[in-house]
C-alpha cells in the first residue's frame, strides 16, 4: 500500500506545529501578564515637600 503522505514530512509538520504552539503559548502568557492592570503602590511614607519644588536644583536666594 502506498502512503499518501510522507512520514518525514509529517514529522516535520508536527515539529513545526509544536514549536509554533510553544512560541504562541509563551507570547500569550507574557501578554496576559502585561495586560493585567496593577494598581499603583500606596506609600506609607508621606513626604512634606511641595509638589512644584525642583528636586535636584538648589534654591537660589536673590
PDB file of N, CA and C in Angstrom:
ATOM      1  N   UNK A   1       0.847  -1.174   0.000  1.00  0.00           N
ATOM      2  CA  UNK A   1       0.000   0.000   0.000  1.00  0.00           C
ATOM      3  C   UNK A   1       0.897   1.243   0.000  1.00  0.00           C
ATOM      4  N   UNK A   2       0.549   2.180  -0.814  1.00  0.00           N
ATOM      5  CA  UNK A   2       1.319   3.412  -0.904  1.00  0.00           C
ATOM      6  C   UNK A   2       0.758   4.429   0.061  1.00  0.00           C
ATOM      7  N   UNK A   3       1.669   5.164   0.681  1.00  0.00           N
ATOM      8  CA  UNK A   3       1.248   6.212   1.606  1.00  0.00           C
ATOM      9  C   UNK A   3       0.896   7.462   0.810  1.00  0.00           C
ATOM     10  N   UNK A   4      -0.124   8.141   1.217  1.00  0.00           N
ATOM     11  CA  UNK A   4      -0.474   9.394   0.562  1.00  0.00           C
ATOM     12  C   UNK A   4       0.173  10.579   1.266  1.00  0.00           C
ATOM     13  N   UNK A   5       1.013  10.263   2.270  1.00  0.00           N
ATOM     14  CA  UNK A   5       1.775  11.310   2.950  1.00  0.00           C
ATOM     15  C   UNK A   5       3.193  10.798   3.166  1.00  0.00           C
ATOM     16  N   UNK A   6       4.091  11.708   3.378  1.00  0.00           N
ATOM     17  CA  UNK A   6       5.473  11.357   3.654  1.00  0.00           C
ATOM     18  C   UNK A   6       5.675  11.306   5.168  1.00  0.00           C
ATOM     19  N   UNK A   7       6.198  10.212   5.704  1.00  0.00           N
ATOM     20  CA  UNK A   7       6.421  10.158   7.153  1.00  0.00           C
ATOM     21  C   UNK A   7       7.376  11.247   7.632  1.00  0.00           C
ATOM     22  N   UNK A   8       8.388  11.539   6.825  1.00  0.00           N
ATOM     23  CA  UNK A   8       9.330  12.590   7.223  1.00  0.00           C
ATOM     24  C   UNK A   8       8.643  13.956   7.194  1.00  0.00           C
ATOM     25  N   UNK A   9       7.829  14.197   6.203  1.00  0.00           N
ATOM     26  CA  UNK A   9       7.088  15.452   6.140  1.00  0.00           C
ATOM     27  C   UNK A   9       6.088  15.584   7.279  1.00  0.00           C
ATOM     28  N   UNK A  10       5.475  14.469   7.659  1.00  0.00           N
ATOM     29  CA  UNK A  10       4.535  14.508   8.781  1.00  0.00           C
ATOM     30  C   UNK A  10       5.255  14.839  10.076  1.00  0.00           C
ATOM     31  N   UNK A  11       6.436  14.256  10.278  1.00  0.00           N
ATOM     32  CA  UNK A  11       7.217  14.571  11.473  1.00  0.00           C
ATOM     33  C   UNK A  11       7.623  16.041  11.491  1.00  0.00           C
ATOM     34  N   UNK A  12       8.055  16.542  10.343  1.00  0.00           N
ATOM     35  CA  UNK A  12       8.421  17.954  10.259  1.00  0.00           C
ATOM     36  C   UNK A  12       7.223  18.846  10.566  1.00  0.00           C
ATOM     37  N   UNK A  13       6.077  18.484  10.031  1.00  0.00           N
ATOM     38  CA  UNK A  13       4.871  19.269  10.274  1.00  0.00           C
ATOM     39  C   UNK A  13       4.478  19.267  11.742  1.00  0.00           C
ATOM     40  N   UNK A  14       4.560  18.113  12.383  1.00  0.00           N
ATOM     41  CA  UNK A  14       4.234  18.043  13.805  1.00  0.00           C
ATOM     42  C   UNK A  14       5.245  18.824  14.640  1.00  0.00           C
ATOM     43  N   UNK A  15       6.518  18.749  14.262  1.00  0.00           N
ATOM     44  CA  UNK A  15       7.539  19.503  14.970  1.00  0.00           C
ATOM     45  C   UNK A  15       7.314  21.004  14.807  1.00  0.00           C
ATOM     46  N   UNK A  16       7.032  21.426  13.592  1.00  0.00           N
ATOM     47  CA  UNK A  16       6.766  22.841  13.339  1.00  0.00           C
ATOM     48  C   UNK A  16       5.514  23.309  14.085  1.00  0.00           C
ATOM     49  N   UNK A  17       4.487  22.485  14.112  1.00  0.00           N
ATOM     50  CA  UNK A  17       3.267  22.831  14.839  1.00  0.00           C
ATOM     51  C   UNK A  17       3.534  22.920  16.343  1.00  0.00           C
ATOM     52  N   UNK A  18       4.347  22.020  16.869  1.00  0.00           N
ATOM     53  CA  UNK A  18       4.677  22.050  18.293  1.00  0.00           C
ATOM     54  C   UNK A  18       5.483  23.281  18.663  1.00  0.00           C
ATOM     55  N   UNK A  19       6.465  23.633  17.830  1.00  0.00           N
ATOM     56  CA  UNK A  19       7.274  24.825  18.097  1.00  0.00           C
ATOM     57  C   UNK A  19       6.405  26.073  18.016  1.00  0.00           C
ATOM     58  N   UNK A  20       5.546  26.128  17.025  1.00  0.00           N
ATOM     59  CA  UNK A  20       4.650  27.278  16.880  1.00  0.00           C
ATOM     60  C   UNK A  20       3.711  27.388  18.075  1.00  0.00           C
ATOM     61  N   UNK A  21       3.172  26.284  18.539  1.00  0.00           N
ATOM     62  CA  UNK A  21       2.281  26.301  19.700  1.00  0.00           C
ATOM     63  C   UNK A  21       3.027  26.740  20.957  1.00  0.00           C
ATOM     64  N   UNK A  22       4.264  26.290  21.125  1.00  0.00           N
ATOM     65  CA  UNK A  22       5.054  26.688  22.295  1.00  0.00           C
ATOM     66  C   UNK A  22       5.358  28.183  22.263  1.00  0.00           C
ATOM     67  N   UNK A  23       5.734  28.705  21.096  1.00  0.00           N
ATOM     68  CA  UNK A  23       6.012  30.137  20.987  1.00  0.00           C
ATOM     69  C   UNK A  23       4.760  30.963  21.235  1.00  0.00           C
ATOM     70  N   UNK A  24       3.640  30.524  20.690  1.00  0.00           N
ATOM     71  CA  UNK A  24       2.394  31.250  20.900  1.00  0.00           C
ATOM     72  C   UNK A  24       1.996  31.222  22.369  1.00  0.00           C
ATOM     73  N   UNK A  25       2.192  30.099  23.041  1.00  0.00           N
ATOM     74  CA  UNK A  25       1.860  29.994  24.459  1.00  0.00           C
ATOM     75  C   UNK A  25       2.711  30.951  25.280  1.00  0.00           C
ATOM     76  N   UNK A  26       4.005  31.018  24.971  1.00  0.00           N
ATOM     77  CA  UNK A  26       4.883  31.964  25.686  1.00  0.00           C
ATOM     78  C   UNK A  26       4.422  33.398  25.457  1.00  0.00           C
ATOM     79  N   UNK A  27       4.074  33.718  24.224  1.00  0.00           N
ATOM     80  CA  UNK A  27       3.588  35.071  23.929  1.00  0.00           C
ATOM     81  C   UNK A  27       2.293  35.347  24.690  1.00  0.00           C
ATOM     82  N   UNK A  28       1.372  34.391  24.692  1.00  0.00           N
ATOM     83  CA  UNK A  28       0.074  34.592  25.342  1.00  0.00           C
ATOM     84  C   UNK A  28       0.234  34.787  26.848  1.00  0.00           C
ATOM     85  N   UNK A  29       1.122  34.050  27.472  1.00  0.00           N
ATOM     86  CA  UNK A  29       1.345  34.211  28.910  1.00  0.00           C
ATOM     87  C   UNK A  29       1.946  35.582  29.191  1.00  0.00           C
ATOM     88  N   UNK A  30       2.928  35.982  28.406  1.00  0.00           N
ATOM     89  CA  UNK A  30       3.536  37.299  28.595  1.00  0.00           C
ATOM     90  C   UNK A  30       2.553  38.420  28.353  1.00  0.00           C
ATOM     91  N   UNK A  31       1.731  38.272  27.336  1.00  0.00           N
ATOM     92  CA  UNK A  31       0.731  39.303  27.038  1.00  0.00           C
ATOM     93  C   UNK A  31      -0.283  39.411  28.159  1.00  0.00           C
ATOM     94  N   UNK A  32      -0.748  38.276  28.664  1.00  0.00           N
ATOM     95  CA  UNK A  32      -1.753  38.321  29.723  1.00  0.00           C
ATOM     96  C   UNK A  32      -1.175  38.882  31.012  1.00  0.00           C
ATOM     97  N   UNK A  33       0.106  38.647  31.276  1.00  0.00           N
ATOM     98  CA  UNK A  33       0.717  39.223  32.464  1.00  0.00           C
ATOM     99  C   UNK A  33       0.886  40.724  32.310  1.00  0.00           C
ATOM    100  N   UNK A  34       1.217  41.175  31.113  1.00  0.00           N
ATOM    101  CA  UNK A  34       1.388  42.603  30.893  1.00  0.00           C
ATOM    102  C   UNK A  34       0.083  43.344  30.740  1.00  0.00           C
ATOM    103  N   UNK A  35      -0.977  42.666  30.383  1.00  0.00           N
ATOM    104  CA  UNK A  35      -2.255  43.319  30.142  1.00  0.00           C
ATOM    105  C   UNK A  35      -3.053  43.526  31.415  1.00  0.00           C
ATOM    106  N   UNK A  36      -2.744  42.801  32.475  1.00  0.00           N
ATOM    107  CA  UNK A  36      -3.494  42.982  33.721  1.00  0.00           C
ATOM    108  C   UNK A  36      -3.108  44.305  34.352  1.00  0.00           C
ATOM    109  N   UNK A  37      -4.098  44.976  34.869  1.00  0.00           N
ATOM    110  CA  UNK A  37      -3.846  46.270  35.490  1.00  0.00           C
ATOM    111  C   UNK A  37      -3.345  46.057  36.913  1.00  0.00           C
ATOM    112  N   UNK A  38      -2.210  46.647  37.196  1.00  0.00           N
ATOM    113  CA  UNK A  38      -1.630  46.572  38.529  1.00  0.00           C
ATOM    114  C   UNK A  38      -1.873  47.920  39.196  1.00  0.00           C
ATOM    115  N   UNK A  39      -2.517  47.931  40.339  1.00  0.00           N
ATOM    116  CA  UNK A  39      -2.774  49.210  40.996  1.00  0.00           C
ATOM    117  C   UNK A  39      -1.464  49.852  41.444  1.00  0.00           C
ATOM    118  N   UNK A  40      -1.470  51.169  41.467  1.00  0.00           N
ATOM    119  CA  UNK A  40      -0.286  51.902  41.886  1.00  0.00           C
ATOM    120  C   UNK A  40      -0.011  51.611  43.362  1.00  0.00           C
ATOM    121  N   UNK A  41       1.256  51.409  43.704  1.00  0.00           N
ATOM    122  CA  UNK A  41       1.558  51.111  45.109  1.00  0.00           C
ATOM    123  C   UNK A  41       1.284  52.327  45.987  1.00  0.00           C
ATOM    124  N   UNK A  42       0.688  52.065  47.126  1.00  0.00           N
ATOM    125  CA  UNK A  42       0.407  53.142  48.063  1.00  0.00           C
ATOM    126  C   UNK A  42       1.568  53.238  49.032  1.00  0.00           C
ATOM    127  N   UNK A  43       2.056  54.435  49.195  1.00  0.00           N
ATOM    128  CA  UNK A  43       3.207  54.655  50.055  1.00  0.00           C
ATOM    129  C   UNK A  43       2.735  55.051  51.439  1.00  0.00           C
ATOM    130  N   UNK A  44       3.350  54.469  52.458  1.00  0.00           N
ATOM    131  CA  UNK A  44       3.010  54.832  53.829  1.00  0.00           C
ATOM    132  C   UNK A  44       3.851  56.014  54.297  1.00  0.00           C
ATOM    133  N   UNK A  45       4.969  56.284  53.617  1.00  0.00           N
ATOM    134  CA  UNK A  45       5.817  57.413  53.969  1.00  0.00           C
ATOM    135  C   UNK A  45       5.411  58.604  53.117  1.00  0.00           C
ATOM    136  N   UNK A  46       4.748  59.561  53.729  1.00  0.00           N
ATOM    137  CA  UNK A  46       4.323  60.756  53.009  1.00  0.00           C
ATOM    138  C   UNK A  46       5.409  61.819  53.155  1.00  0.00           C
ATOM    139  N   UNK A  47       5.808  62.372  52.026  1.00  0.00           N
ATOM    140  CA  UNK A  47       6.791  63.448  52.070  1.00  0.00           C
ATOM    141  C   UNK A  47       6.066  64.774  52.240  1.00  0.00           C
ATOM    142  N   UNK A  48       6.752  65.734  52.848  1.00  0.00           N
ATOM    143  CA  UNK A  48       6.135  67.026  53.095  1.00  0.00           C
ATOM    144  C   UNK A  48       6.665  68.097  52.156  1.00  0.00           C
ATOM    145  N   UNK A  49       7.450  67.719  51.150  1.00  0.00           N
ATOM    146  CA  UNK A  49       7.982  68.716  50.232  1.00  0.00           C
ATOM    147  C   UNK A  49       6.880  69.175  49.281  1.00  0.00           C
ATOM    148  N   UNK A  50       6.921  70.438  48.883  1.00  0.00           N
ATOM    149  CA  UNK A  50       5.901  70.923  47.949  1.00  0.00           C
ATOM    150  C   UNK A  50       6.021  70.223  46.595  1.00  0.00           C
ATOM    151  N   UNK A  51       4.931  70.164  45.903  1.00  0.00           N
ATOM    152  CA  UNK A  51       4.892  69.431  44.639  1.00  0.00           C
ATOM    153  C   UNK A  51       5.695  70.135  43.562  1.00  0.00           C
ATOM    154  N   UNK A  52       5.655  71.444  43.509  1.00  0.00           N
ATOM    155  CA  UNK A  52       6.291  72.156  42.414  1.00  0.00           C
ATOM    156  C   UNK A  52       7.727  72.584  42.720  1.00  0.00           C
ATOM    157  N   UNK A  53       8.320  72.117  43.808  1.00  0.00           N
ATOM    158  CA  UNK A  53       9.708  72.435  44.117  1.00  0.00           C
ATOM    159  C   UNK A  53      10.618  71.491  43.327  1.00  0.00           C
ATOM    160  N   UNK A  54      11.679  72.017  42.708  1.00  0.00           N
ATOM    161  CA  UNK A  54      12.586  71.127  41.973  1.00  0.00           C
ATOM    162  C   UNK A  54      13.340  70.222  42.938  1.00  0.00           C
ATOM    163  N   UNK A  55      13.554  69.008  42.539  1.00  0.00           N
ATOM    164  CA  UNK A  55      14.176  68.046  43.435  1.00  0.00           C
ATOM    165  C   UNK A  55      15.699  68.092  43.367  1.00  0.00           C
ATOM    166  N   UNK A  56      16.267  68.505  42.269  1.00  0.00           N
ATOM    167  CA  UNK A  56      17.704  68.421  42.090  1.00  0.00           C
ATOM    168  C   UNK A  56      18.408  69.766  42.125  1.00  0.00           C
ATOM    169  N   UNK A  57      17.702  70.840  41.904  1.00  0.00           N
ATOM    170  CA  UNK A  57      18.323  72.152  41.808  1.00  0.00           C
ATOM    171  C   UNK A  57      18.315  72.848  43.156  1.00  0.00           C
ATOM    172  N   UNK A  58      19.438  73.486  43.534  1.00  0.00           N
ATOM    173  CA  UNK A  58      19.449  74.206  44.825  1.00  0.00           C
ATOM    174  C   UNK A  58      18.598  75.477  44.691  1.00  0.00           C
ATOM    175  N   UNK A  59      18.037  75.890  45.808  1.00  0.00           N
ATOM    176  CA  UNK A  59      17.232  77.106  45.812  1.00  0.00           C
ATOM    177  C   UNK A  59      18.152  78.312  45.770  1.00  0.00           C
ATOM    178  N   UNK A  60      17.849  79.256  44.912  1.00  0.00           N
ATOM    179  CA  UNK A  60      18.678  80.460  44.762  1.00  0.00           C
ATOM    180  C   UNK A  60      18.030  81.587  45.539  1.00  0.00           C
ATOM    181  N   UNK A  61      18.790  82.182  46.450  1.00  0.00           N
ATOM    182  CA  UNK A  61      18.304  83.337  47.207  1.00  0.00           C
ATOM    183  C   UNK A  61      18.778  84.593  46.502  1.00  0.00           C
ATOM    184  N   UNK A  62      17.905  85.277  45.821  1.00  0.00           N
ATOM    185  CA  UNK A  62      18.293  86.510  45.102  1.00  0.00           C
ATOM    186  C   UNK A  62      17.519  87.683  45.623  1.00  0.00           C
TER     187      UNK A  62
END
